Protein backbone atom coordinates (compact mmCIF):
# COMPACT_ATOMS: atom_id res chain seq x y z
CA MET A 1 5.67 -41.85 3.98
CA ASP A 2 7.52 -38.99 5.68
CA ARG A 3 6.18 -35.66 4.52
CA GLY A 4 9.27 -33.71 5.49
CA LEU A 5 10.26 -33.04 1.87
CA TYR A 6 6.82 -31.70 1.00
CA VAL A 7 6.69 -29.50 4.10
CA ALA A 8 10.14 -28.05 3.42
CA MET A 9 9.21 -27.36 -0.20
CA THR A 10 6.02 -25.60 0.89
CA GLY A 11 7.94 -23.58 3.45
CA ALA A 12 10.48 -22.44 0.85
CA LYS A 13 7.67 -21.36 -1.48
CA GLN A 14 5.89 -19.36 1.24
CA ILE A 15 9.14 -17.67 2.26
CA MET A 16 9.62 -16.59 -1.35
CA LEU A 17 6.15 -15.02 -1.28
CA ALA A 18 6.99 -13.20 1.96
CA GLN A 19 10.26 -12.04 0.44
CA ALA A 20 8.37 -10.61 -2.54
CA VAL A 21 6.16 -8.54 -0.22
CA ASN A 22 9.18 -7.34 1.75
CA ASN A 23 11.04 -6.43 -1.45
CA GLY A 24 7.97 -4.48 -2.56
CA ASN A 25 8.20 -2.43 0.62
CA ILE A 26 11.90 -1.74 0.03
CA ALA A 27 11.22 -0.72 -3.57
CA ASN A 28 8.64 1.81 -2.35
CA ALA A 29 10.68 3.26 0.50
CA ASP A 30 10.84 6.57 -1.41
CA THR A 31 7.27 6.51 -2.78
CA VAL A 32 5.15 9.40 -1.52
CA GLY A 33 2.38 8.26 0.84
CA PHE A 34 3.15 4.54 0.46
CA LEU A 35 1.81 2.31 3.25
CA ALA A 36 3.93 -0.75 3.99
CA ASN A 37 2.49 -4.25 3.64
CA GLY A 38 2.90 -6.85 6.36
CA VAL A 39 3.21 -10.63 6.21
CA GLU A 40 2.57 -13.21 8.88
CA PHE A 41 2.97 -16.98 8.86
CA THR A 42 0.17 -19.26 10.01
CA SER A 43 0.29 -22.98 10.73
CA GLU A 44 -1.84 -25.17 8.49
CA PRO A 45 -2.23 -28.99 8.65
CA VAL A 46 -0.90 -31.20 5.86
CA TYR A 47 -4.07 -32.64 4.37
CA GLY A 48 -4.35 -36.25 3.24
CA PRO A 49 -3.95 -39.70 4.79
CA GLY A 50 -1.49 -40.23 7.58
CA TYR A 51 -0.77 -38.97 11.08
CA PRO A 52 -0.67 -35.20 11.81
CA THR A 53 3.08 -35.16 12.37
CA ARG A 54 3.82 -32.31 9.97
CA VAL A 55 2.58 -28.71 9.77
CA ASN A 56 2.79 -26.28 6.85
CA ALA A 57 3.77 -22.65 7.43
CA VAL A 58 1.68 -20.48 5.12
CA ALA A 59 2.44 -16.80 4.46
CA ALA A 60 -0.43 -14.34 4.19
CA ASN A 61 -0.73 -10.58 3.95
CA SER A 62 -1.55 -9.79 7.56
CA ALA A 63 -2.39 -6.11 7.24
CA VAL A 64 -1.40 -2.74 5.94
CA ASP A 65 0.72 -0.53 8.18
CA PHE A 66 -1.40 2.60 8.58
CA GLY A 67 1.27 4.48 10.50
CA ALA A 68 2.12 7.95 9.21
CA GLY A 69 5.29 8.68 7.29
CA VAL A 70 7.57 11.65 7.79
CA MET A 71 6.21 15.05 6.72
CA GLN A 72 8.50 16.88 4.32
CA ASP A 73 8.15 20.56 3.40
CA THR A 74 8.16 21.25 -0.34
CA GLY A 75 6.67 24.76 -0.58
CA ARG A 76 4.66 23.67 -3.62
CA ASN A 77 0.98 24.73 -3.60
CA LEU A 78 -0.28 21.47 -5.08
CA ASP A 79 1.55 19.26 -2.58
CA ILE A 80 -0.70 18.26 0.32
CA ALA A 81 -0.38 15.87 3.24
CA VAL A 82 -3.17 14.49 5.40
CA ASN A 83 -2.90 15.52 9.04
CA GLY A 84 -3.34 12.54 11.32
CA SER A 85 -5.64 9.80 10.11
CA GLY A 86 -7.56 10.03 6.86
CA PHE A 87 -7.19 9.68 3.12
CA ILE A 88 -7.63 11.49 -0.19
CA ALA A 89 -10.31 10.10 -2.48
CA VAL A 90 -9.18 9.28 -6.02
CA GLN A 91 -10.56 7.45 -9.02
CA ALA A 92 -8.89 4.06 -9.46
CA PRO A 93 -7.90 2.79 -12.93
CA ASP A 94 -11.06 0.64 -13.00
CA GLY A 95 -13.24 3.69 -12.35
CA SER A 96 -14.05 2.87 -8.73
CA GLU A 97 -13.44 5.17 -5.78
CA ALA A 98 -10.22 4.49 -3.92
CA TYR A 99 -8.11 6.18 -1.25
CA THR A 100 -4.51 7.24 -0.87
CA ARG A 101 -2.23 9.42 1.23
CA ALA A 102 -0.08 10.41 -1.75
CA GLY A 103 -0.68 14.15 -2.10
CA ASP A 104 1.77 15.11 -4.86
CA LEU A 105 -0.93 16.53 -7.12
CA ARG A 106 -0.79 17.80 -10.70
CA VAL A 107 -3.03 19.80 -13.05
CA THR A 108 -3.44 18.29 -16.51
CA ALA A 109 -3.72 20.24 -19.75
CA ASN A 110 -7.52 19.97 -19.60
CA GLY A 111 -7.72 21.24 -16.02
CA MET A 112 -8.09 17.91 -14.16
CA ILE A 113 -6.37 17.62 -10.79
CA THR A 114 -4.65 14.25 -10.55
CA THR A 115 -2.09 12.44 -8.45
CA ALA A 116 1.47 12.13 -9.75
CA SER A 117 0.51 8.72 -11.15
CA GLY A 118 -2.37 10.25 -13.14
CA LEU A 119 -5.33 9.24 -10.96
CA PRO A 120 -8.12 11.86 -10.92
CA VAL A 121 -8.70 13.43 -7.50
CA LEU A 122 -12.35 13.27 -6.47
CA SER A 123 -14.84 15.63 -4.85
CA ASN A 124 -18.27 14.56 -3.64
CA SER A 125 -19.60 15.17 -7.16
CA GLY A 126 -16.82 13.59 -9.23
CA PRO A 127 -13.32 14.41 -10.50
CA VAL A 128 -11.99 17.82 -9.51
CA ALA A 129 -11.47 20.16 -12.49
CA ILE A 130 -10.42 23.80 -12.59
CA PRO A 131 -10.54 26.55 -15.25
CA PRO A 132 -7.35 27.97 -16.80
CA SER A 133 -5.64 29.67 -13.88
CA THR A 134 -2.50 31.47 -12.85
CA GLN A 135 -2.60 30.19 -9.28
CA VAL A 136 -4.07 27.15 -7.52
CA THR A 137 -4.23 26.73 -3.77
CA ILE A 138 -5.71 24.03 -1.54
CA GLY A 139 -7.12 24.89 1.87
CA SER A 140 -6.84 22.82 5.03
CA ASP A 141 -10.34 21.41 4.46
CA GLY A 142 -9.53 20.41 0.87
CA THR A 143 -11.13 23.46 -0.75
CA VAL A 144 -9.55 24.22 -4.13
CA SER A 145 -9.24 27.92 -4.96
CA VAL A 146 -7.92 29.47 -8.16
CA VAL A 147 -7.04 32.81 -9.69
CA PRO A 148 -8.56 32.64 -13.20
CA LEU A 149 -6.24 33.36 -16.09
CA GLY A 150 -6.03 37.07 -16.86
CA LEU A 151 -7.40 38.26 -13.50
CA SER A 152 -5.67 39.78 -10.50
CA PRO A 153 -4.88 37.78 -7.35
CA SER A 154 -7.80 39.49 -5.60
CA ALA A 155 -10.14 37.60 -7.94
CA GLN A 156 -9.40 34.28 -6.25
CA SER A 157 -12.46 32.03 -6.09
CA GLN A 158 -13.34 28.57 -4.80
CA VAL A 159 -14.07 26.00 -7.51
CA ASP A 160 -14.38 22.65 -5.74
CA LYS A 161 -13.48 20.66 -2.63
CA ILE A 162 -11.37 17.50 -2.47
CA LYS A 163 -13.13 14.60 -0.80
CA LEU A 164 -11.32 13.63 2.40
CA VAL A 165 -12.36 10.48 4.24
CA ASP A 166 -11.48 8.60 7.41
CA PRO A 167 -13.19 5.18 7.45
CA PRO A 168 -12.18 2.56 10.05
CA THR A 169 -8.95 0.95 8.87
CA GLN A 170 -10.44 -2.51 9.39
CA ASP A 171 -12.93 -1.67 6.62
CA LEU A 172 -10.13 -0.99 4.13
CA VAL A 173 -8.16 -3.37 1.96
CA LYS A 174 -5.23 -2.65 -0.34
CA GLY A 175 -5.92 -3.74 -3.91
CA PRO A 176 -3.53 -4.92 -6.61
CA ASP A 177 -3.43 -1.31 -7.84
CA GLY A 178 -1.75 -0.29 -4.58
CA LEU A 179 -4.76 1.81 -3.54
CA LEU A 180 -7.04 1.35 -0.57
CA HIS A 181 -10.62 0.25 -1.21
CA MET A 182 -13.62 -0.37 1.02
CA LYS A 183 -13.93 -4.10 1.70
CA ASN A 184 -17.62 -4.05 0.83
CA GLY A 185 -16.93 -2.26 -2.45
CA GLY A 186 -18.79 0.85 -1.36
CA LYS A 187 -17.71 4.44 -0.87
CA ALA A 188 -16.55 6.07 2.32
CA LYS A 189 -18.36 9.19 3.49
CA ALA A 190 -16.59 12.53 3.44
CA ASP A 191 -15.25 13.41 6.88
CA LEU A 192 -15.14 17.13 7.73
CA SER A 193 -12.72 16.46 10.58
CA VAL A 194 -9.94 15.40 8.18
CA THR A 195 -7.57 18.23 7.30
CA VAL A 196 -4.55 18.63 5.04
CA SER A 197 -1.44 20.77 5.04
CA SER A 198 -0.39 22.51 1.84
CA GLY A 199 3.22 22.63 0.69
CA VAL A 200 3.94 19.36 2.50
CA LEU A 201 4.28 15.74 1.42
CA GLU A 202 4.12 12.56 3.49
CA SER A 203 6.92 10.13 2.79
CA SER A 204 6.55 6.36 2.72
CA ASN A 205 6.14 4.78 6.16
CA VAL A 206 8.47 1.90 5.22
CA ASN A 207 11.24 1.34 7.76
CA ALA A 208 14.05 0.68 5.30
CA ALA A 209 16.49 -0.61 7.93
CA GLN A 210 13.98 -3.09 9.35
CA SER A 211 12.98 -4.21 5.85
CA LEU A 212 16.62 -4.98 5.05
CA VAL A 213 16.90 -7.00 8.26
CA ASN A 214 13.73 -8.87 7.30
CA MET A 215 15.20 -9.60 3.88
CA ILE A 216 18.28 -11.21 5.45
CA GLN A 217 16.18 -13.21 7.92
CA LEU A 218 13.89 -14.50 5.17
CA GLN A 219 16.90 -15.46 3.06
CA ARG A 220 18.32 -17.50 5.95
CA LEU A 221 14.96 -19.18 6.51
CA TYR A 222 14.83 -20.04 2.82
CA GLU A 223 18.30 -21.59 2.98
CA LEU A 224 17.19 -23.59 6.03
CA GLN A 225 14.23 -25.00 4.09
CA ILE A 226 16.50 -25.97 1.20
CA LYS A 227 18.81 -27.78 3.63
CA SER A 228 15.78 -29.59 5.05
CA MET A 229 14.80 -30.67 1.56
CA ASN A 230 18.29 -32.03 0.94
CA SER A 231 18.29 -33.86 4.28
CA SER A 232 14.89 -35.43 3.53
CA ASP A 233 16.13 -36.56 0.14
CA GLN A 234 19.29 -38.07 1.62
CA ASN A 235 17.26 -39.87 4.31
CA GLN A 236 14.97 -41.28 1.64
CA GLN A 237 17.93 -42.54 -0.41
CA SER A 238 19.45 -44.14 2.71
CA ALA A 239 16.14 -45.86 3.49
CA GLU A 240 15.93 -47.24 -0.05
CA LYS A 241 19.44 -48.70 0.27
CA LEU A 242 18.52 -50.40 3.53
CA MET A 243 15.44 -51.90 1.89
CA GLN A 244 17.61 -53.34 -0.87
């Protein structure tokens, strides 16, 4: 039996998956430090009896785009951006160590430094916490300095150091939480060569214009698969009439 209908159906499904990834990129075009996801199609055989006359196109997340976004000045002491390659270590929702380039940091009521989404920022010894302070600054090497509450600016002291890492990108994988994790489940070593700029944020590296073009192209491919399904169905009906 001709497998055209099955192949077209599979193609339409895979295009929908690719469209979902592309739409996710568009939705995060304004998300600080977001790294775009890529999709590629691979050819897979149609398994089962019969001749290999049909091929399935299967969509898969090909990689994460590790290109840098645009640096935007904010003038805010707790906003940092990684210079060049590298990442900020944070604690993922499941308690594991993860990595991000989103540097829009906050200080909670109990003194924890977190990302804007509430993830604790890590040092080599655990989450970074500071005492009640009137001023918080972050140095280029990730050193966190504060002016304790009630003291003069000259009383500034260092309290901790943010863990900055730069593992090979092929060792990283983006998890369902949107954070980067080591593929082996381990922890990356702190890299003293990684530096940050204070008062700056890195925007998403999503190319919004290209993502919109991709959305239109995927929509047209989806429509083509639907037309193929209709053609296969019509051919099958015509064959059944001839057999009658």
